[in-house]
Amino acid sequence: QKAVLPMTEPSAANLAALAAVMTMRSAWSALEACAFLHESRLPLRLSTVDAGGYPHVTSLWFDFVDGRFLCATQHKAMVARHVRRRPQVGFE
C-alpha cells in the first residue's frame, strides 16, 4: 500500500480533469474530489467489456496523477486485454 503523503496544492491538471466531468449538482468541489482521491485507500472498480460483449468488473489499486487514473495490474491481465481492445470503460 502506498504511503500517505500530506495533501499539498493539487495540480492544475487534476483540478481541470475533475472540473470537466463534474456538474453543478456535484456534492463536492473539484478541490474536495482531489483531496478524496489523494487520501483514498480503497481500490476503484473498473468495468470493461469482454470479447463476448459482457461487462467485466475488476477492483484495481490506483493513483490520480495529472488528471489521469493510473491503475496497477499485470500487462497480461484480463482487464488489461479488455482495455487495450476496447478503451471505453466505466468506474466507481
N, C-alpha and C. Protein backbone atom coordinates (compact mmCIF):
# COMPACT_ATOMS: atom_id res chain seq x y z
N GLN A 1 0.85 -1.18 0.00
CA GLN A 1 0.00 0.00 0.00
C GLN A 1 0.89 1.24 0.00
N LYS A 2 0.49 2.25 -0.76
CA LYS A 2 1.32 3.43 -0.89
C LYS A 2 1.29 4.26 0.38
N ALA A 3 2.37 4.96 0.63
CA ALA A 3 2.45 5.83 1.81
C ALA A 3 1.56 7.04 1.58
N VAL A 4 0.92 7.50 2.65
CA VAL A 4 0.06 8.67 2.56
C VAL A 4 0.90 9.91 2.76
N LEU A 5 0.96 10.72 1.73
CA LEU A 5 1.67 11.99 1.82
C LEU A 5 0.66 13.08 2.11
N PRO A 6 1.06 14.11 2.84
CA PRO A 6 0.11 15.18 3.11
C PRO A 6 -0.35 15.83 1.82
N MET A 7 -1.63 16.19 1.79
CA MET A 7 -2.19 16.84 0.61
C MET A 7 -1.60 18.23 0.48
N THR A 8 -0.95 18.46 -0.62
CA THR A 8 -0.45 19.80 -0.91
C THR A 8 -1.39 20.39 -1.97
N GLU A 9 -0.99 21.47 -2.55
CA GLU A 9 -1.81 22.09 -3.59
C GLU A 9 -2.01 21.09 -4.74
N PRO A 10 -3.26 20.77 -5.09
CA PRO A 10 -3.47 19.83 -6.20
C PRO A 10 -2.99 20.43 -7.51
N SER A 11 -2.59 19.57 -8.41
CA SER A 11 -2.10 20.06 -9.70
C SER A 11 -3.24 20.66 -10.51
N ALA A 12 -2.90 21.59 -11.37
CA ALA A 12 -3.88 22.21 -12.25
C ALA A 12 -4.53 21.15 -13.16
N ALA A 13 -3.73 20.16 -13.58
CA ALA A 13 -4.27 19.10 -14.45
C ALA A 13 -5.32 18.28 -13.71
N ASN A 14 -5.07 17.95 -12.44
CA ASN A 14 -6.04 17.18 -11.67
C ASN A 14 -7.33 17.97 -11.50
N LEU A 15 -7.22 19.25 -11.12
CA LEU A 15 -8.41 20.08 -10.93
C LEU A 15 -9.18 20.24 -12.24
N ALA A 16 -8.48 20.48 -13.33
CA ALA A 16 -9.14 20.67 -14.62
C ALA A 16 -9.86 19.40 -15.07
N ALA A 17 -9.23 18.25 -14.89
CA ALA A 17 -9.84 16.98 -15.28
C ALA A 17 -11.12 16.72 -14.50
N LEU A 18 -11.08 16.98 -13.21
CA LEU A 18 -12.27 16.76 -12.39
C LEU A 18 -13.36 17.79 -12.70
N ALA A 19 -12.98 19.04 -12.85
CA ALA A 19 -13.95 20.09 -13.14
C ALA A 19 -14.68 19.81 -14.46
N ALA A 20 -13.98 19.19 -15.42
CA ALA A 20 -14.56 18.92 -16.73
C ALA A 20 -15.69 17.89 -16.66
N VAL A 21 -15.67 17.01 -15.68
CA VAL A 21 -16.69 15.96 -15.61
C VAL A 21 -17.69 16.16 -14.48
N MET A 22 -17.46 17.15 -13.63
CA MET A 22 -18.37 17.40 -12.52
C MET A 22 -19.48 18.34 -12.97
N THR A 23 -20.65 18.18 -12.37
CA THR A 23 -21.77 19.04 -12.70
C THR A 23 -22.00 20.03 -11.55
N MET A 24 -22.86 20.99 -11.79
CA MET A 24 -23.19 21.96 -10.74
C MET A 24 -23.86 21.27 -9.56
N ARG A 25 -24.45 20.10 -9.80
CA ARG A 25 -25.14 19.36 -8.74
C ARG A 25 -24.20 18.48 -7.92
N SER A 26 -22.93 18.44 -8.29
CA SER A 26 -21.98 17.59 -7.56
C SER A 26 -21.93 18.00 -6.10
N ALA A 27 -21.88 17.02 -5.23
CA ALA A 27 -21.83 17.29 -3.80
C ALA A 27 -20.49 17.87 -3.38
N TRP A 28 -19.44 17.57 -4.14
CA TRP A 28 -18.08 18.02 -3.81
C TRP A 28 -17.60 19.01 -4.86
N SER A 29 -16.69 19.86 -4.45
CA SER A 29 -15.98 20.71 -5.40
C SER A 29 -14.84 19.88 -6.01
N ALA A 30 -14.23 20.40 -7.07
CA ALA A 30 -13.08 19.70 -7.67
C ALA A 30 -11.95 19.58 -6.65
N LEU A 31 -11.76 20.58 -5.81
CA LEU A 31 -10.72 20.54 -4.79
C LEU A 31 -11.00 19.43 -3.77
N GLU A 32 -12.25 19.30 -3.34
CA GLU A 32 -12.62 18.24 -2.40
C GLU A 32 -12.45 16.86 -3.04
N ALA A 33 -12.81 16.74 -4.32
CA ALA A 33 -12.64 15.46 -5.01
C ALA A 33 -11.16 15.10 -5.13
N CYS A 34 -10.30 16.09 -5.41
CA CYS A 34 -8.85 15.84 -5.46
C CYS A 34 -8.35 15.33 -4.12
N ALA A 35 -8.79 15.97 -3.04
CA ALA A 35 -8.36 15.54 -1.71
C ALA A 35 -8.80 14.11 -1.43
N PHE A 36 -10.04 13.78 -1.80
CA PHE A 36 -10.54 12.42 -1.58
C PHE A 36 -9.71 11.41 -2.37
N LEU A 37 -9.46 11.69 -3.64
CA LEU A 37 -8.69 10.76 -4.46
C LEU A 37 -7.27 10.61 -3.95
N HIS A 38 -6.69 11.67 -3.43
CA HIS A 38 -5.33 11.62 -2.87
C HIS A 38 -5.29 10.76 -1.61
N GLU A 39 -6.31 10.89 -0.77
CA GLU A 39 -6.32 10.20 0.52
C GLU A 39 -6.93 8.81 0.48
N SER A 40 -7.62 8.47 -0.60
CA SER A 40 -8.34 7.20 -0.67
C SER A 40 -7.40 6.00 -0.57
N ARG A 41 -7.80 5.03 0.18
CA ARG A 41 -7.06 3.78 0.31
C ARG A 41 -7.91 2.60 -0.16
N LEU A 42 -8.94 2.90 -0.92
CA LEU A 42 -9.81 1.87 -1.47
C LEU A 42 -9.53 1.71 -2.96
N PRO A 43 -9.64 0.50 -3.47
CA PRO A 43 -9.45 0.34 -4.91
C PRO A 43 -10.67 0.89 -5.66
N LEU A 44 -10.48 1.24 -6.92
CA LEU A 44 -11.63 1.59 -7.74
C LEU A 44 -12.11 0.33 -8.44
N ARG A 45 -13.35 0.35 -8.86
CA ARG A 45 -13.91 -0.76 -9.62
C ARG A 45 -14.01 -0.31 -11.07
N LEU A 46 -13.31 -1.02 -11.93
CA LEU A 46 -13.26 -0.69 -13.35
C LEU A 46 -14.13 -1.68 -14.11
N SER A 47 -15.05 -1.16 -14.89
CA SER A 47 -15.93 -2.00 -15.69
C SER A 47 -15.48 -1.95 -17.14
N THR A 48 -15.19 -3.11 -17.69
CA THR A 48 -14.78 -3.24 -19.09
C THR A 48 -15.77 -4.16 -19.79
N VAL A 49 -15.57 -4.37 -21.07
CA VAL A 49 -16.42 -5.28 -21.84
C VAL A 49 -15.54 -6.40 -22.37
N ASP A 50 -15.97 -7.64 -22.14
CA ASP A 50 -15.16 -8.77 -22.59
C ASP A 50 -15.39 -9.05 -24.08
N ALA A 51 -14.70 -10.04 -24.61
CA ALA A 51 -14.77 -10.35 -26.05
C ALA A 51 -16.18 -10.74 -26.49
N GLY A 52 -16.97 -11.27 -25.56
CA GLY A 52 -18.34 -11.66 -25.89
C GLY A 52 -19.34 -10.53 -25.75
N GLY A 53 -18.87 -9.34 -25.34
CA GLY A 53 -19.76 -8.19 -25.18
C GLY A 53 -20.37 -8.05 -23.80
N TYR A 54 -19.91 -8.86 -22.85
CA TYR A 54 -20.45 -8.81 -21.50
C TYR A 54 -19.60 -7.94 -20.59
N PRO A 55 -20.22 -7.30 -19.60
CA PRO A 55 -19.44 -6.47 -18.67
C PRO A 55 -18.55 -7.33 -17.78
N HIS A 56 -17.41 -6.78 -17.45
CA HIS A 56 -16.45 -7.43 -16.56
C HIS A 56 -15.95 -6.37 -15.59
N VAL A 57 -16.15 -6.58 -14.29
CA VAL A 57 -15.77 -5.60 -13.28
C VAL A 57 -14.58 -6.12 -12.49
N THR A 58 -13.57 -5.26 -12.33
CA THR A 58 -12.33 -5.61 -11.64
C THR A 58 -11.99 -4.51 -10.65
N SER A 59 -11.56 -4.89 -9.45
CA SER A 59 -11.07 -3.91 -8.47
C SER A 59 -9.58 -3.70 -8.69
N LEU A 60 -9.16 -2.43 -8.78
CA LEU A 60 -7.76 -2.11 -9.04
C LEU A 60 -7.28 -1.00 -8.12
N TRP A 61 -6.04 -1.10 -7.64
CA TRP A 61 -5.42 0.00 -6.91
C TRP A 61 -5.10 1.09 -7.90
N PHE A 62 -5.17 2.33 -7.46
CA PHE A 62 -4.97 3.44 -8.38
C PHE A 62 -4.26 4.61 -7.72
N ASP A 63 -3.81 5.50 -8.57
CA ASP A 63 -3.32 6.82 -8.16
C ASP A 63 -3.89 7.79 -9.17
N PHE A 64 -4.15 9.01 -8.76
CA PHE A 64 -4.70 10.05 -9.64
C PHE A 64 -3.61 11.08 -9.85
N VAL A 65 -3.03 11.08 -11.05
CA VAL A 65 -1.86 11.92 -11.34
C VAL A 65 -2.09 12.66 -12.66
N ASP A 66 -1.90 13.96 -12.63
CA ASP A 66 -2.02 14.79 -13.83
C ASP A 66 -3.33 14.57 -14.57
N GLY A 67 -4.42 14.44 -13.80
CA GLY A 67 -5.74 14.30 -14.40
C GLY A 67 -6.04 12.93 -14.95
N ARG A 68 -5.21 11.94 -14.62
CA ARG A 68 -5.40 10.58 -15.13
C ARG A 68 -5.38 9.59 -13.98
N PHE A 69 -6.20 8.55 -14.12
CA PHE A 69 -6.17 7.45 -13.16
C PHE A 69 -5.13 6.45 -13.64
N LEU A 70 -4.15 6.18 -12.81
CA LEU A 70 -3.14 5.18 -13.09
C LEU A 70 -3.49 3.95 -12.25
N CYS A 71 -3.75 2.84 -12.90
CA CYS A 71 -4.18 1.63 -12.19
C CYS A 71 -3.08 0.57 -12.26
N ALA A 72 -3.00 -0.21 -11.20
CA ALA A 72 -1.98 -1.25 -11.10
C ALA A 72 -2.58 -2.61 -11.48
N THR A 73 -2.00 -3.22 -12.49
CA THR A 73 -2.36 -4.58 -12.88
C THR A 73 -1.22 -5.14 -13.73
N GLN A 74 -1.29 -6.40 -14.03
CA GLN A 74 -0.27 -7.01 -14.88
C GLN A 74 -0.61 -6.79 -16.35
N HIS A 75 0.41 -6.67 -17.18
CA HIS A 75 0.23 -6.44 -18.61
C HIS A 75 -0.65 -7.52 -19.25
N LYS A 76 -0.50 -8.76 -18.79
CA LYS A 76 -1.24 -9.87 -19.38
C LYS A 76 -2.60 -10.11 -18.71
N ALA A 77 -2.95 -9.30 -17.72
CA ALA A 77 -4.23 -9.50 -17.00
C ALA A 77 -5.41 -9.33 -17.95
N MET A 78 -6.49 -10.02 -17.65
CA MET A 78 -7.69 -9.96 -18.48
C MET A 78 -8.19 -8.52 -18.62
N VAL A 79 -8.19 -7.76 -17.52
CA VAL A 79 -8.68 -6.39 -17.57
C VAL A 79 -7.81 -5.55 -18.50
N ALA A 80 -6.51 -5.77 -18.52
CA ALA A 80 -5.62 -5.03 -19.41
C ALA A 80 -5.93 -5.37 -20.87
N ARG A 81 -6.17 -6.64 -21.14
CA ARG A 81 -6.53 -7.04 -22.52
C ARG A 81 -7.84 -6.39 -22.95
N HIS A 82 -8.81 -6.35 -22.04
CA HIS A 82 -10.10 -5.72 -22.36
C HIS A 82 -9.93 -4.24 -22.68
N VAL A 83 -9.14 -3.54 -21.89
CA VAL A 83 -8.94 -2.10 -22.10
C VAL A 83 -8.19 -1.83 -23.40
N ARG A 84 -7.21 -2.66 -23.71
CA ARG A 84 -6.48 -2.47 -24.97
C ARG A 84 -7.42 -2.67 -26.17
N ARG A 85 -8.30 -3.65 -26.08
CA ARG A 85 -9.21 -3.96 -27.19
C ARG A 85 -10.30 -2.91 -27.30
N ARG A 86 -10.83 -2.47 -26.15
CA ARG A 86 -11.95 -1.52 -26.15
C ARG A 86 -11.76 -0.57 -24.97
N PRO A 87 -11.16 0.61 -25.20
CA PRO A 87 -10.80 1.50 -24.09
C PRO A 87 -11.96 2.23 -23.41
N GLN A 88 -13.18 2.10 -23.91
CA GLN A 88 -14.32 2.72 -23.24
C GLN A 88 -14.63 1.92 -21.98
N VAL A 89 -14.51 2.56 -20.83
CA VAL A 89 -14.70 1.89 -19.54
C VAL A 89 -15.57 2.76 -18.64
N GLY A 90 -16.04 2.16 -17.57
CA GLY A 90 -16.73 2.89 -16.51
C GLY A 90 -16.06 2.54 -15.21
N PHE A 91 -16.19 3.42 -14.22
CA PHE A 91 -15.57 3.13 -12.92
C PHE A 91 -16.35 3.78 -11.81
N GLU A 92 -16.13 3.25 -10.61
CA GLU A 92 -16.63 3.88 -9.39
C GLU A 92 -15.64 3.63 -8.29
